[in-house]
C-alpha cells in the first residue's frame, strides 16, 4: 500500500513540475508530513527526482527551438556553485531548521502567486 502512496506522491509532484509550479511543493511536504521522511532525505529525493524531468524539458525546449545558449555560462556556473554551497550548508543544518526554511519558502511562494494572480485578473 505504501508503494502506491509513494507512486501517487511522485505522480502529482511530476504533474505540478510539468506545469511549471515545481514538484517539490508537493513532494517534500508529502514525504515529510505523510510518510515521516526526514527533511534532509525528502529534499535530496526531490532534487534527484528533478534531474530526469529537467533533462527531458531541456530536450523538448531545444527541439522546439526555444533554447537560447548565448550567455548561458553566466547563469549555469554561478547556479552550480551556489547549489553546491547551499547543499553543504543544508547538510550541516538540523532538520527542524530546514523544515522552517522550506515552510517560509512555501509561504513566500504563495504570497507571490497570490499577488501575481490578483494583478492578472485586474487587467
N, C-alpha and C. Protein backbone atom coordinates (compact mmCIF):
# COMPACT_ATOMS: atom_id res chain seq x y z
N UNK A 1 0.81 -1.20 0.00
CA UNK A 1 0.00 0.00 0.00
C UNK A 1 0.85 1.26 0.00
N UNK A 2 1.94 1.25 0.80
CA UNK A 2 2.77 2.45 0.86
C UNK A 2 3.43 2.73 -0.49
N UNK A 3 3.71 1.67 -1.27
CA UNK A 3 4.28 1.87 -2.60
C UNK A 3 3.34 2.70 -3.47
N UNK A 4 2.05 2.40 -3.40
CA UNK A 4 1.06 3.13 -4.19
C UNK A 4 1.00 4.58 -3.74
N UNK A 5 1.08 4.82 -2.44
CA UNK A 5 1.06 6.20 -1.94
C UNK A 5 2.29 6.97 -2.40
N UNK A 6 3.47 6.32 -2.35
CA UNK A 6 4.68 6.96 -2.86
C UNK A 6 4.54 7.25 -4.36
N UNK A 7 3.97 6.30 -5.09
CA UNK A 7 3.77 6.47 -6.53
C UNK A 7 2.85 7.65 -6.81
N UNK A 8 1.77 7.76 -6.04
CA UNK A 8 0.84 8.88 -6.22
C UNK A 8 1.51 10.22 -5.90
N UNK A 9 2.29 10.26 -4.83
CA UNK A 9 3.01 11.50 -4.48
C UNK A 9 3.96 11.88 -5.61
N UNK A 10 4.66 10.90 -6.17
CA UNK A 10 5.56 11.17 -7.29
C UNK A 10 4.81 11.63 -8.52
N UNK A 11 3.66 11.03 -8.78
CA UNK A 11 2.85 11.41 -9.93
C UNK A 11 2.39 12.85 -9.84
N UNK A 12 1.79 13.19 -8.69
CA UNK A 12 1.27 14.55 -8.54
C UNK A 12 2.39 15.60 -8.53
N UNK A 13 3.53 15.27 -7.96
CA UNK A 13 4.64 16.23 -7.99
C UNK A 13 5.17 16.37 -9.41
N UNK A 14 5.15 15.28 -10.18
CA UNK A 14 5.56 15.36 -11.58
C UNK A 14 4.61 16.20 -12.42
N UNK A 15 3.32 16.06 -12.17
CA UNK A 15 2.32 16.86 -12.89
C UNK A 15 2.54 18.34 -12.60
N UNK A 16 2.69 18.69 -11.33
CA UNK A 16 2.93 20.09 -10.98
C UNK A 16 4.25 20.59 -11.54
N UNK A 17 5.27 19.74 -11.50
CA UNK A 17 6.56 20.13 -12.07
C UNK A 17 6.45 20.39 -13.56
N UNK A 18 5.68 19.57 -14.25
CA UNK A 18 5.47 19.76 -15.68
C UNK A 18 4.69 21.01 -16.01
N UNK A 19 3.87 21.46 -15.08
CA UNK A 19 3.09 22.68 -15.28
C UNK A 19 3.89 23.92 -14.91
N UNK A 20 5.10 23.73 -14.39
CA UNK A 20 5.93 24.87 -14.04
C UNK A 20 5.83 25.30 -12.59
N UNK A 21 5.00 24.65 -11.81
CA UNK A 21 4.81 25.03 -10.40
C UNK A 21 6.00 24.61 -9.56
N UNK A 22 6.54 23.46 -9.85
CA UNK A 22 7.61 22.91 -9.04
C UNK A 22 7.08 21.74 -8.24
N UNK A 23 7.51 20.55 -8.60
CA UNK A 23 7.01 19.35 -7.96
C UNK A 23 7.37 19.26 -6.49
N UNK A 24 8.45 19.94 -6.08
CA UNK A 24 8.87 19.90 -4.69
C UNK A 24 7.86 20.51 -3.74
N UNK A 25 6.98 21.37 -4.25
CA UNK A 25 5.96 21.96 -3.40
C UNK A 25 4.95 20.91 -2.95
N UNK A 26 4.88 19.79 -3.66
CA UNK A 26 4.02 18.68 -3.26
C UNK A 26 4.85 17.55 -2.66
N UNK A 27 5.95 17.21 -3.33
CA UNK A 27 6.71 16.02 -2.95
C UNK A 27 7.35 16.16 -1.56
N UNK A 28 7.98 17.27 -1.27
CA UNK A 28 8.66 17.43 0.02
C UNK A 28 7.66 17.41 1.19
N UNK A 29 6.57 18.18 1.15
CA UNK A 29 5.60 18.06 2.25
C UNK A 29 4.98 16.66 2.34
N UNK A 30 4.71 16.03 1.20
CA UNK A 30 4.13 14.68 1.24
C UNK A 30 5.10 13.71 1.91
N UNK A 31 6.36 13.78 1.55
CA UNK A 31 7.34 12.86 2.14
C UNK A 31 7.51 13.11 3.64
N UNK A 32 7.56 14.37 4.03
CA UNK A 32 7.81 14.67 5.45
C UNK A 32 6.57 14.51 6.32
N UNK A 33 5.44 15.05 5.87
CA UNK A 33 4.23 15.05 6.69
C UNK A 33 3.51 13.71 6.64
N UNK A 34 3.30 13.18 5.44
CA UNK A 34 2.51 11.96 5.29
C UNK A 34 3.34 10.71 5.59
N UNK A 35 4.56 10.68 5.05
CA UNK A 35 5.37 9.46 5.15
C UNK A 35 6.41 9.51 6.27
N UNK A 36 6.58 10.65 6.92
CA UNK A 36 7.51 10.75 8.05
C UNK A 36 8.98 10.68 7.67
N UNK A 37 9.30 11.03 6.43
CA UNK A 37 10.69 11.02 5.98
C UNK A 37 11.39 12.25 6.54
N UNK A 38 12.65 12.10 6.93
CA UNK A 38 13.43 13.22 7.46
C UNK A 38 13.60 14.29 6.37
N UNK A 39 13.62 15.55 6.77
CA UNK A 39 13.66 16.68 5.84
C UNK A 39 14.85 16.59 4.88
N UNK A 40 16.03 16.24 5.38
CA UNK A 40 17.21 16.14 4.51
C UNK A 40 16.97 15.13 3.39
N UNK A 41 16.40 14.01 3.73
CA UNK A 41 16.17 12.95 2.74
C UNK A 41 15.08 13.36 1.77
N UNK A 42 14.04 14.01 2.26
CA UNK A 42 12.96 14.46 1.38
C UNK A 42 13.48 15.48 0.36
N UNK A 43 14.30 16.41 0.81
CA UNK A 43 14.82 17.42 -0.12
C UNK A 43 15.81 16.80 -1.10
N UNK A 44 16.62 15.86 -0.65
CA UNK A 44 17.55 15.19 -1.56
C UNK A 44 16.78 14.36 -2.58
N UNK A 45 15.73 13.68 -2.14
CA UNK A 45 14.89 12.90 -3.05
C UNK A 45 14.26 13.79 -4.10
N UNK A 46 13.80 14.96 -3.69
CA UNK A 46 13.21 15.90 -4.63
C UNK A 46 14.23 16.34 -5.68
N UNK A 47 15.45 16.62 -5.26
CA UNK A 47 16.48 17.04 -6.20
C UNK A 47 16.81 15.93 -7.19
N UNK A 48 16.88 14.69 -6.70
CA UNK A 48 17.17 13.57 -7.59
C UNK A 48 16.01 13.34 -8.56
N UNK A 49 14.78 13.46 -8.09
CA UNK A 49 13.61 13.28 -8.95
C UNK A 49 13.53 14.39 -10.00
N UNK A 50 14.07 15.54 -9.69
CA UNK A 50 14.03 16.68 -10.60
C UNK A 50 14.93 16.49 -11.81
N UNK A 51 16.03 15.78 -11.65
CA UNK A 51 17.02 15.67 -12.73
C UNK A 51 16.47 15.09 -14.03
N UNK A 52 15.77 13.94 -14.03
CA UNK A 52 15.27 13.43 -15.31
C UNK A 52 14.24 14.37 -15.95
N UNK A 53 13.40 14.99 -15.11
CA UNK A 53 12.40 15.90 -15.66
C UNK A 53 13.08 17.12 -16.28
N UNK A 54 14.11 17.63 -15.63
CA UNK A 54 14.83 18.78 -16.18
C UNK A 54 15.51 18.41 -17.49
N UNK A 55 16.11 17.23 -17.57
CA UNK A 55 16.77 16.79 -18.80
C UNK A 55 15.75 16.65 -19.93
N UNK A 56 14.59 16.07 -19.63
CA UNK A 56 13.54 15.90 -20.63
C UNK A 56 13.04 17.26 -21.11
N UNK A 57 12.79 18.17 -20.17
CA UNK A 57 12.30 19.50 -20.51
C UNK A 57 13.31 20.27 -21.35
N UNK A 58 14.58 20.13 -21.01
CA UNK A 58 15.64 20.79 -21.78
C UNK A 58 15.64 20.29 -23.22
N UNK A 59 15.49 18.99 -23.41
CA UNK A 59 15.46 18.43 -24.77
C UNK A 59 14.24 18.93 -25.55
N UNK A 60 13.08 18.98 -24.90
CA UNK A 60 11.86 19.45 -25.57
C UNK A 60 12.03 20.91 -26.00
N UNK A 61 12.56 21.75 -25.12
CA UNK A 61 12.77 23.15 -25.47
C UNK A 61 13.78 23.30 -26.59
N UNK A 62 14.83 22.48 -26.56
CA UNK A 62 15.84 22.53 -27.63
C UNK A 62 15.24 22.11 -28.96
N UNK A 63 14.46 21.02 -28.96
CA UNK A 63 13.83 20.53 -30.19
C UNK A 63 12.84 21.53 -30.76
N UNK A 64 12.22 22.33 -29.91
CA UNK A 64 11.26 23.33 -30.37
C UNK A 64 11.90 24.68 -30.67
N UNK A 65 13.23 24.74 -30.58
CA UNK A 65 13.93 25.98 -30.88
C UNK A 65 13.77 27.06 -29.83
N UNK A 66 13.43 26.68 -28.63
CA UNK A 66 13.19 27.65 -27.56
C UNK A 66 14.39 27.82 -26.64
N UNK A 67 15.46 27.12 -26.92
CA UNK A 67 16.64 27.17 -26.05
C UNK A 67 17.64 28.17 -26.60
N UNK A 68 17.91 29.19 -25.82
CA UNK A 68 18.89 30.19 -26.19
C UNK A 68 20.16 29.92 -25.40
N UNK A 69 21.27 29.78 -26.08
CA UNK A 69 22.51 29.40 -25.40
C UNK A 69 23.48 30.57 -25.21
N UNK A 70 23.18 31.73 -25.75
CA UNK A 70 24.07 32.87 -25.56
C UNK A 70 24.07 33.27 -24.09
N UNK A 71 25.25 33.43 -23.53
CA UNK A 71 25.39 33.86 -22.15
C UNK A 71 25.01 32.80 -21.13
N UNK A 72 24.86 31.57 -21.58
CA UNK A 72 24.44 30.50 -20.68
C UNK A 72 25.44 30.26 -19.55
N UNK A 73 26.72 30.40 -19.86
CA UNK A 73 27.75 30.19 -18.84
C UNK A 73 27.61 31.14 -17.66
N UNK A 74 27.13 32.35 -17.93
CA UNK A 74 26.97 33.34 -16.86
C UNK A 74 25.83 32.96 -15.92
N UNK A 75 24.97 32.05 -16.35
CA UNK A 75 23.89 31.58 -15.50
C UNK A 75 24.24 30.24 -14.87
N UNK A 76 24.76 29.32 -15.69
CA UNK A 76 24.99 27.95 -15.23
C UNK A 76 26.09 27.87 -14.18
N UNK A 77 27.21 28.52 -14.41
CA UNK A 77 28.35 28.40 -13.49
C UNK A 77 27.99 28.94 -12.09
N UNK A 78 27.46 30.15 -11.96
CA UNK A 78 27.08 30.60 -10.62
C UNK A 78 25.98 29.73 -9.99
N UNK A 79 25.04 29.25 -10.80
CA UNK A 79 23.98 28.40 -10.26
C UNK A 79 24.55 27.10 -9.71
N UNK A 80 25.48 26.49 -10.43
CA UNK A 80 26.10 25.26 -9.95
C UNK A 80 26.89 25.50 -8.66
N UNK A 81 27.68 26.56 -8.65
CA UNK A 81 28.48 26.85 -7.46
C UNK A 81 27.59 27.14 -6.25
N UNK A 82 26.54 27.92 -6.46
CA UNK A 82 25.62 28.24 -5.38
C UNK A 82 24.88 26.99 -4.90
N UNK A 83 24.49 26.13 -5.83
CA UNK A 83 23.79 24.89 -5.46
C UNK A 83 24.67 23.99 -4.62
N UNK A 84 25.93 23.85 -5.01
CA UNK A 84 26.85 23.01 -4.24
C UNK A 84 27.06 23.60 -2.84
N UNK A 85 27.28 24.90 -2.79
CA UNK A 85 27.48 25.56 -1.49
C UNK A 85 26.25 25.41 -0.61
N UNK A 86 25.06 25.63 -1.18
CA UNK A 86 23.82 25.50 -0.41
C UNK A 86 23.61 24.06 0.04
N UNK A 87 24.02 23.11 -0.77
CA UNK A 87 23.92 21.70 -0.39
C UNK A 87 24.77 21.39 0.83
N UNK A 88 25.98 21.94 0.87
CA UNK A 88 26.84 21.73 2.03
C UNK A 88 26.25 22.40 3.28
N UNK A 89 25.71 23.59 3.12
CA UNK A 89 25.09 24.28 4.25
C UNK A 89 23.87 23.50 4.74
N UNK A 90 23.05 23.03 3.80
CA UNK A 90 21.85 22.27 4.17
C UNK A 90 22.21 20.98 4.91
N UNK A 91 23.31 20.36 4.51
CA UNK A 91 23.74 19.12 5.18
C UNK A 91 24.14 19.38 6.63
N UNK A 92 24.58 20.59 6.92
CA UNK A 92 25.01 20.93 8.28
C UNK A 92 23.85 21.38 9.17
N UNK A 93 22.76 21.82 8.56
CA UNK A 93 21.64 22.35 9.33
C UNK A 93 20.78 21.21 9.90
N UNK A 94 20.24 21.41 11.08
CA UNK A 94 19.31 20.41 11.63
C UNK A 94 18.02 20.37 10.80
N UNK A 95 17.35 19.22 10.81
CA UNK A 95 16.11 19.07 10.03
C UNK A 95 15.06 20.10 10.39
N UNK A 96 14.97 20.45 11.66
CA UNK A 96 13.95 21.41 12.09
C UNK A 96 14.18 22.77 11.43
N UNK A 97 15.42 23.16 11.25
CA UNK A 97 15.73 24.44 10.59
C UNK A 97 15.36 24.35 9.11
N UNK A 98 15.69 23.22 8.47
CA UNK A 98 15.32 23.05 7.06
C UNK A 98 13.81 23.09 6.87
N UNK A 99 13.08 22.46 7.79
CA UNK A 99 11.62 22.48 7.71
C UNK A 99 11.09 23.91 7.78
N UNK A 100 11.63 24.70 8.69
CA UNK A 100 11.18 26.08 8.85
C UNK A 100 11.54 26.92 7.62
N UNK A 101 12.74 26.72 7.08
CA UNK A 101 13.14 27.45 5.88
C UNK A 101 12.27 27.07 4.69
N UNK A 102 11.99 25.77 4.56
CA UNK A 102 11.14 25.33 3.45
C UNK A 102 9.72 25.87 3.63
N UNK A 103 9.22 25.87 4.86
CA UNK A 103 7.90 26.45 5.13
C UNK A 103 7.85 27.92 4.77
N UNK A 104 8.90 28.65 5.13
CA UNK A 104 8.96 30.08 4.78
C UNK A 104 9.00 30.26 3.27
N UNK A 105 9.72 29.38 2.58
CA UNK A 105 9.76 29.43 1.11
C UNK A 105 8.37 29.23 0.53
N UNK A 106 7.63 28.24 1.05
CA UNK A 106 6.28 27.97 0.54
C UNK A 106 5.34 29.14 0.81
N UNK A 107 5.45 29.76 1.98
CA UNK A 107 4.62 30.93 2.29
C UNK A 107 4.96 32.07 1.32
N UNK A 108 6.26 32.31 1.13
CA UNK A 108 6.68 33.36 0.19
C UNK A 108 6.19 33.09 -1.22
N UNK A 109 6.28 31.84 -1.66
CA UNK A 109 5.80 31.47 -2.99
C UNK A 109 4.30 31.68 -3.10
N UNK A 110 3.57 31.34 -2.05
CA UNK A 110 2.11 31.53 -2.05
C UNK A 110 1.74 33.01 -2.15
N UNK A 111 2.44 33.84 -1.40
CA UNK A 111 2.17 35.28 -1.45
C UNK A 111 2.48 35.82 -2.85
N UNK A 112 3.60 35.40 -3.42
CA UNK A 112 3.98 35.84 -4.76
C UNK A 112 2.91 35.44 -5.78
N UNK A 113 2.45 34.19 -5.73
CA UNK A 113 1.43 33.72 -6.66
C UNK A 113 0.11 34.44 -6.45
N UNK A 114 -0.23 34.74 -5.21
CA UNK A 114 -1.46 35.47 -4.92
C UNK A 114 -1.41 36.87 -5.50
N UNK A 115 -0.29 37.54 -5.30
CA UNK A 115 -0.13 38.90 -5.84
C UNK A 115 -0.18 38.88 -7.36
N UNK A 116 0.51 37.93 -7.97
CA UNK A 116 0.51 37.84 -9.44
C UNK A 116 -0.89 37.55 -9.97
N UNK A 117 -1.63 36.69 -9.29
CA UNK A 117 -2.97 36.35 -9.78
C UNK A 117 -3.92 37.54 -9.61
N UNK A 118 -3.75 38.31 -8.57
CA UNK A 118 -4.61 39.49 -8.39
C UNK A 118 -4.36 40.52 -9.48
N UNK A 119 -3.08 40.70 -9.86
CA UNK A 119 -2.76 41.66 -10.91
C UNK A 119 -3.19 41.15 -12.27
N UNK A 120 -3.14 39.84 -12.49
CA UNK A 120 -3.53 39.33 -13.80
C UNK A 120 -5.05 39.38 -13.99
N UNK A 121 -5.83 39.29 -12.90
CA UNK A 121 -7.27 39.40 -13.01
C UNK A 121 -7.73 40.84 -13.22
N UNK A 122 -6.93 41.80 -12.78
CA UNK A 122 -7.34 43.19 -12.88
C UNK A 122 -7.04 43.79 -14.26
N UNK A 123 -6.37 43.05 -15.11
CA UNK A 123 -6.04 43.58 -16.46
C UNK A 123 -7.20 43.46 -17.40
